Amino acid sequence: MTKNKVETSKKVDIQKIFVRIMACILALLMVLGIGGTLLFYLIAM
């Protein structure tokens, strides 16, 4: 019974880490997209 709890908690921890990594990647892409758009706007101006 305790073995199942340990396996479940490890699985949840891995899922949380994966979600945080994906959130960081998406946030970085959003920042780069905004920066690129701003840079393009300033150059084209």
C-alpha atoms as a PDB file:
ATOM      1  CA  MET A   1       0.000   0.000   0.000  1.00  0.00           C
ATOM      2  CA  THR A   2       2.785   2.458   0.824  1.00  0.00           C
ATOM      3  CA  LYS A   3       4.574   1.470  -2.386  1.00  0.00           C
ATOM      4  CA  ASN A   4       1.558   2.614  -4.415  1.00  0.00           C
ATOM      5  CA  LYS A   5       1.541   5.951  -2.587  1.00  0.00           C
ATOM      6  CA  VAL A   6       5.235   6.489  -3.325  1.00  0.00           C
ATOM      7  CA  GLU A   7       4.770   5.630  -7.007  1.00  0.00           C
ATOM      8  CA  THR A   8       1.757   7.932  -7.234  1.00  0.00           C
ATOM      9  CA  SER A   9       3.600  10.832  -5.571  1.00  0.00           C
ATOM     10  CA  LYS A  10       6.597  10.380  -7.916  1.00  0.00           C
ATOM     11  CA  LYS A  11       4.246  10.403 -10.904  1.00  0.00           C
ATOM     12  CA  VAL A  12       2.562  13.580  -9.651  1.00  0.00           C
ATOM     13  CA  ASP A  13       5.944  15.233  -9.045  1.00  0.00           C
ATOM     14  CA  ILE A  14       7.087  14.394 -12.582  1.00  0.00           C
ATOM     15  CA  GLN A  15       3.839  15.800 -13.983  1.00  0.00           C
ATOM     16  CA  LYS A  16       4.225  19.020 -11.975  1.00  0.00           C
ATOM     17  CA  ILE A  17       7.819  19.453 -13.151  1.00  0.00           C
ATOM     18  CA  PHE A  18       6.785  18.819 -16.776  1.00  0.00           C
ATOM     19  CA  VAL A  19       3.943  21.359 -16.519  1.00  0.00           C
ATOM     20  CA  ARG A  20       6.283  23.988 -15.070  1.00  0.00           C
ATOM     21  CA  ILE A  21       8.888  23.393 -17.782  1.00  0.00           C
ATOM     22  CA  MET A  22       6.221  23.697 -20.500  1.00  0.00           C
ATOM     23  CA  ALA A  23       4.872  26.878 -18.884  1.00  0.00           C
ATOM     24  CA  CYS A  24       8.379  28.384 -18.824  1.00  0.00           C
ATOM     25  CA  ILE A  25       8.961  27.483 -22.474  1.00  0.00           C
ATOM     26  CA  LEU A  26       5.634  29.016 -23.519  1.00  0.00           C
ATOM     27  CA  ALA A  27       6.287  32.160 -21.467  1.00  0.00           C
ATOM     28  CA  LEU A  28       9.722  32.486 -23.084  1.00  0.00           C
ATOM     29  CA  LEU A  29       8.177  32.115 -26.545  1.00  0.00           C
ATOM     30  CA  MET A  30       5.615  34.820 -25.733  1.00  0.00           C
ATOM     31  CA  VAL A  31       8.339  37.206 -24.539  1.00  0.00           C
ATOM     32  CA  LEU A  32      10.462  36.504 -27.620  1.00  0.00           C
ATOM     33  CA  GLY A  33       7.432  37.031 -29.861  1.00  0.00           C
ATOM     34  CA  ILE A  34       6.641  40.379 -28.265  1.00  0.00           C
ATOM     35  CA  GLY A  35      10.306  41.430 -28.433  1.00  0.00           C
ATOM     36  CA  GLY A  36      10.564  40.414 -32.082  1.00  0.00           C
ATOM     37  CA  THR A  37       7.398  42.266 -32.973  1.00  0.00           C
ATOM     38  CA  LEU A  38       8.601  45.398 -31.177  1.00  0.00           C
ATOM     39  CA  LEU A  39      12.000  45.176 -32.863  1.00  0.00           C
ATOM     40  CA  PHE A  40      10.391  44.710 -36.284  1.00  0.00           C
ATOM     41  CA  TYR A  41       8.088  47.683 -35.633  1.00  0.00           C
ATOM     42  CA  LEU A  42      11.004  49.910 -34.618  1.00  0.00           C
ATOM     43  CA  ILE A  43      13.071  48.938 -37.662  1.00  0.00           C
ATOM     44  CA  ALA A  44      10.156  49.388 -40.092  1.00  0.00           C
ATOM     45  CA  MET A  45       9.254  52.772 -38.636  1.00  0.00           C
END
